[in-house]
Amino acid sequence: MGDGVNPYLSVYLKALHKGLLNTAIAIGAGLSNLLAGVVVNKIGSNSAFLMLAAVFWFVVPETKVKSSHMPSEVVEKKV
């Protein structure tokens, strides 16, 4: 306690970061609905679905296919 650091500062910063993150998530959720509505009205629902699929394909890492994650029997059949 003699190092001169306020022990409540880290708690305050954690709360601030959580608040900023939650605010960003809420803004993103609202904007995504707005953007999807605009795309559906202007282009159509099929285009909105394809846009969402493209976002998942390029942004979400679980959708990327890597050969190292393939089962061994599938790799052996390819050769």
N, C-alpha and C. Protein backbone atom coordinates (compact mmCIF):
# COMPACT_ATOMS: atom_id res chain seq x y z
N MET A 1 0.81 -1.20 0.00
CA MET A 1 0.00 0.00 0.00
C MET A 1 0.85 1.26 0.00
N GLY A 2 2.11 1.12 0.20
CA GLY A 2 2.97 2.28 0.28
C GLY A 2 3.53 2.72 -1.06
N ASP A 3 3.08 2.09 -2.16
CA ASP A 3 3.64 2.44 -3.46
C ASP A 3 2.95 3.65 -4.10
N GLY A 4 1.93 4.20 -3.50
CA GLY A 4 1.28 5.40 -3.98
C GLY A 4 0.25 5.17 -5.06
N VAL A 5 -0.10 3.92 -5.37
CA VAL A 5 -1.10 3.62 -6.39
C VAL A 5 -2.46 3.49 -5.72
N ASN A 6 -3.43 4.14 -6.29
CA ASN A 6 -4.78 4.08 -5.76
C ASN A 6 -5.37 2.69 -6.05
N PRO A 7 -5.75 1.93 -5.03
CA PRO A 7 -6.27 0.57 -5.28
C PRO A 7 -7.61 0.57 -5.99
N TYR A 8 -8.34 1.67 -5.95
CA TYR A 8 -9.64 1.72 -6.60
C TYR A 8 -9.53 2.09 -8.08
N LEU A 9 -8.34 2.51 -8.51
CA LEU A 9 -8.16 2.92 -9.90
C LEU A 9 -8.37 1.75 -10.86
N SER A 10 -7.83 0.58 -10.54
CA SER A 10 -7.99 -0.56 -11.43
C SER A 10 -9.45 -1.00 -11.49
N VAL A 11 -10.16 -0.93 -10.39
CA VAL A 11 -11.58 -1.28 -10.38
C VAL A 11 -12.36 -0.29 -11.24
N TYR A 12 -12.02 0.98 -11.12
CA TYR A 12 -12.68 2.01 -11.91
C TYR A 12 -12.41 1.81 -13.40
N LEU A 13 -11.16 1.50 -13.76
CA LEU A 13 -10.83 1.30 -15.17
C LEU A 13 -11.51 0.07 -15.74
N LYS A 14 -11.61 -1.00 -14.95
CA LYS A 14 -12.32 -2.19 -15.42
C LYS A 14 -13.78 -1.87 -15.68
N ALA A 15 -14.40 -1.12 -14.77
CA ALA A 15 -15.80 -0.76 -14.95
C ALA A 15 -15.97 0.14 -16.16
N LEU A 16 -15.04 1.05 -16.37
CA LEU A 16 -15.10 1.93 -17.53
C LEU A 16 -14.98 1.14 -18.82
N HIS A 17 -14.06 0.18 -18.87
CA HIS A 17 -13.89 -0.64 -20.08
C HIS A 17 -15.12 -1.49 -20.34
N LYS A 18 -15.70 -2.06 -19.30
CA LYS A 18 -16.92 -2.85 -19.49
C LYS A 18 -18.05 -1.98 -20.01
N GLY A 19 -18.16 -0.77 -19.48
CA GLY A 19 -19.20 0.14 -19.94
C GLY A 19 -19.01 0.54 -21.39
N LEU A 20 -17.78 0.82 -21.79
CA LEU A 20 -17.50 1.18 -23.18
C LEU A 20 -17.77 0.01 -24.12
N LEU A 21 -17.40 -1.20 -23.69
CA LEU A 21 -17.64 -2.37 -24.51
C LEU A 21 -19.14 -2.62 -24.68
N ASN A 22 -19.88 -2.53 -23.59
CA ASN A 22 -21.33 -2.73 -23.67
C ASN A 22 -21.99 -1.67 -24.54
N THR A 23 -21.51 -0.44 -24.47
CA THR A 23 -22.05 0.62 -25.32
C THR A 23 -21.77 0.33 -26.78
N ALA A 24 -20.56 -0.11 -27.10
CA ALA A 24 -20.22 -0.44 -28.48
C ALA A 24 -21.06 -1.60 -29.01
N ILE A 25 -21.31 -2.59 -28.17
CA ILE A 25 -22.13 -3.73 -28.57
C ILE A 25 -23.56 -3.28 -28.85
N ALA A 26 -24.10 -2.42 -27.99
CA ALA A 26 -25.47 -1.93 -28.18
C ALA A 26 -25.59 -1.09 -29.45
N ILE A 27 -24.61 -0.24 -29.71
CA ILE A 27 -24.64 0.58 -30.93
C ILE A 27 -24.54 -0.33 -32.16
N GLY A 28 -23.68 -1.33 -32.11
CA GLY A 28 -23.56 -2.27 -33.23
C GLY A 28 -24.83 -3.05 -33.48
N ALA A 29 -25.51 -3.45 -32.40
CA ALA A 29 -26.77 -4.17 -32.56
C ALA A 29 -27.82 -3.29 -33.21
N GLY A 30 -27.88 -2.05 -32.82
CA GLY A 30 -28.84 -1.14 -33.42
C GLY A 30 -28.53 -0.82 -34.86
N LEU A 31 -27.27 -0.58 -35.16
CA LEU A 31 -26.89 -0.26 -36.53
C LEU A 31 -27.04 -1.46 -37.47
N SER A 32 -26.82 -2.67 -36.96
CA SER A 32 -26.96 -3.83 -37.82
C SER A 32 -28.41 -4.02 -38.26
N ASN A 33 -29.35 -3.77 -37.36
CA ASN A 33 -30.76 -3.85 -37.74
C ASN A 33 -31.11 -2.77 -38.76
N LEU A 34 -30.61 -1.58 -38.57
CA LEU A 34 -30.85 -0.49 -39.50
C LEU A 34 -30.27 -0.82 -40.87
N LEU A 35 -29.04 -1.29 -40.91
CA LEU A 35 -28.39 -1.62 -42.17
C LEU A 35 -29.12 -2.76 -42.89
N ALA A 36 -29.50 -3.79 -42.15
CA ALA A 36 -30.22 -4.91 -42.76
C ALA A 36 -31.58 -4.45 -43.31
N GLY A 37 -32.26 -3.57 -42.60
CA GLY A 37 -33.53 -3.05 -43.08
C GLY A 37 -33.38 -2.25 -44.36
N VAL A 38 -32.33 -1.45 -44.43
CA VAL A 38 -32.08 -0.66 -45.64
C VAL A 38 -31.77 -1.58 -46.81
N VAL A 39 -30.95 -2.61 -46.58
CA VAL A 39 -30.60 -3.53 -47.66
C VAL A 39 -31.83 -4.30 -48.13
N VAL A 40 -32.68 -4.73 -47.20
CA VAL A 40 -33.89 -5.47 -47.58
C VAL A 40 -34.82 -4.57 -48.39
N ASN A 41 -34.98 -3.33 -47.98
CA ASN A 41 -35.87 -2.43 -48.70
C ASN A 41 -35.34 -2.05 -50.07
N LYS A 42 -34.04 -1.86 -50.20
CA LYS A 42 -33.46 -1.41 -51.46
C LYS A 42 -33.19 -2.55 -52.44
N ILE A 43 -32.69 -3.67 -51.94
CA ILE A 43 -32.22 -4.73 -52.84
C ILE A 43 -33.06 -6.00 -52.73
N GLY A 44 -33.44 -6.38 -51.52
CA GLY A 44 -34.23 -7.59 -51.33
C GLY A 44 -33.70 -8.44 -50.20
N SER A 45 -34.53 -9.37 -49.75
CA SER A 45 -34.14 -10.18 -48.60
C SER A 45 -33.03 -11.17 -48.92
N ASN A 46 -32.97 -11.66 -50.15
CA ASN A 46 -31.89 -12.58 -50.52
C ASN A 46 -30.54 -11.90 -50.43
N SER A 47 -30.48 -10.66 -50.83
CA SER A 47 -29.22 -9.91 -50.76
C SER A 47 -28.81 -9.65 -49.32
N ALA A 48 -29.79 -9.38 -48.46
CA ALA A 48 -29.48 -9.17 -47.05
C ALA A 48 -28.92 -10.44 -46.43
N PHE A 49 -29.49 -11.59 -46.78
CA PHE A 49 -28.98 -12.85 -46.27
C PHE A 49 -27.57 -13.12 -46.77
N LEU A 50 -27.31 -12.85 -48.04
CA LEU A 50 -25.97 -13.06 -48.59
C LEU A 50 -24.96 -12.11 -47.96
N MET A 51 -25.39 -10.88 -47.65
CA MET A 51 -24.50 -9.94 -46.98
C MET A 51 -24.13 -10.46 -45.59
N LEU A 52 -25.12 -10.98 -44.86
CA LEU A 52 -24.85 -11.53 -43.54
C LEU A 52 -23.94 -12.75 -43.63
N ALA A 53 -24.15 -13.59 -44.61
CA ALA A 53 -23.29 -14.76 -44.79
C ALA A 53 -21.86 -14.33 -45.11
N ALA A 54 -21.70 -13.29 -45.92
CA ALA A 54 -20.36 -12.81 -46.26
C ALA A 54 -19.66 -12.25 -45.03
N VAL A 55 -20.39 -11.54 -44.19
CA VAL A 55 -19.80 -11.01 -42.96
C VAL A 55 -19.30 -12.16 -42.09
N PHE A 56 -20.12 -13.18 -41.91
CA PHE A 56 -19.70 -14.32 -41.11
C PHE A 56 -18.51 -15.03 -41.73
N TRP A 57 -18.51 -15.16 -43.05
CA TRP A 57 -17.43 -15.88 -43.72
C TRP A 57 -16.09 -15.17 -43.55
N PHE A 58 -16.08 -13.84 -43.64
CA PHE A 58 -14.82 -13.11 -43.59
C PHE A 58 -14.42 -12.66 -42.19
N VAL A 59 -15.37 -12.53 -41.27
CA VAL A 59 -15.05 -11.96 -39.97
C VAL A 59 -14.96 -13.02 -38.87
N VAL A 60 -15.85 -13.98 -38.87
CA VAL A 60 -15.89 -14.99 -37.81
C VAL A 60 -14.85 -16.06 -38.10
N PRO A 61 -13.87 -16.24 -37.20
CA PRO A 61 -12.78 -17.18 -37.50
C PRO A 61 -13.21 -18.65 -37.54
N GLU A 62 -14.32 -19.00 -36.91
CA GLU A 62 -14.74 -20.40 -36.90
C GLU A 62 -15.21 -20.86 -38.27
N THR A 63 -15.55 -19.94 -39.16
CA THR A 63 -16.05 -20.33 -40.47
C THR A 63 -14.93 -20.56 -41.48
N LYS A 64 -13.71 -20.24 -41.12
CA LYS A 64 -12.59 -20.44 -42.03
C LYS A 64 -12.16 -21.91 -42.01
N VAL A 65 -11.99 -22.49 -43.18
CA VAL A 65 -11.62 -23.89 -43.28
C VAL A 65 -10.10 -23.99 -43.32
N LYS A 66 -9.55 -24.82 -42.45
CA LYS A 66 -8.11 -25.06 -42.43
C LYS A 66 -7.87 -26.55 -42.62
N SER A 67 -6.91 -26.89 -43.41
CA SER A 67 -6.66 -28.30 -43.69
C SER A 67 -6.15 -29.04 -42.45
N SER A 68 -5.56 -28.33 -41.50
CA SER A 68 -5.06 -29.01 -40.31
C SER A 68 -6.19 -29.46 -39.40
N HIS A 69 -7.40 -28.93 -39.59
CA HIS A 69 -8.53 -29.30 -38.75
C HIS A 69 -9.36 -30.43 -39.36
N MET A 70 -8.97 -30.90 -40.53
CA MET A 70 -9.73 -31.95 -41.19
C MET A 70 -9.41 -33.30 -40.54
N PRO A 71 -10.41 -34.17 -40.47
CA PRO A 71 -10.15 -35.51 -39.93
C PRO A 71 -9.15 -36.26 -40.80
N SER A 72 -8.41 -37.17 -40.19
CA SER A 72 -7.34 -37.86 -40.91
C SER A 72 -7.88 -38.75 -42.03
N GLU A 73 -9.05 -39.36 -41.87
CA GLU A 73 -9.57 -40.22 -42.93
C GLU A 73 -9.96 -39.42 -44.17
N VAL A 74 -10.37 -38.17 -44.00
CA VAL A 74 -10.70 -37.33 -45.15
C VAL A 74 -9.42 -36.95 -45.88
N VAL A 75 -8.37 -36.64 -45.15
CA VAL A 75 -7.09 -36.27 -45.75
C VAL A 75 -6.52 -37.47 -46.51
N GLU A 76 -6.62 -38.68 -45.96
CA GLU A 76 -6.07 -39.86 -46.62
C GLU A 76 -6.84 -40.19 -47.90
N LYS A 77 -8.15 -39.94 -47.93
CA LYS A 77 -8.93 -40.24 -49.13
C LYS A 77 -8.62 -39.28 -50.27
N LYS A 78 -8.18 -38.06 -49.94
CA LYS A 78 -7.85 -37.10 -50.97
C LYS A 78 -6.60 -37.48 -51.74
N VAL A 79 -5.68 -38.16 -51.10
CA VAL A 79 -4.37 -38.47 -51.70
C VAL A 79 -4.44 -39.62 -52.63
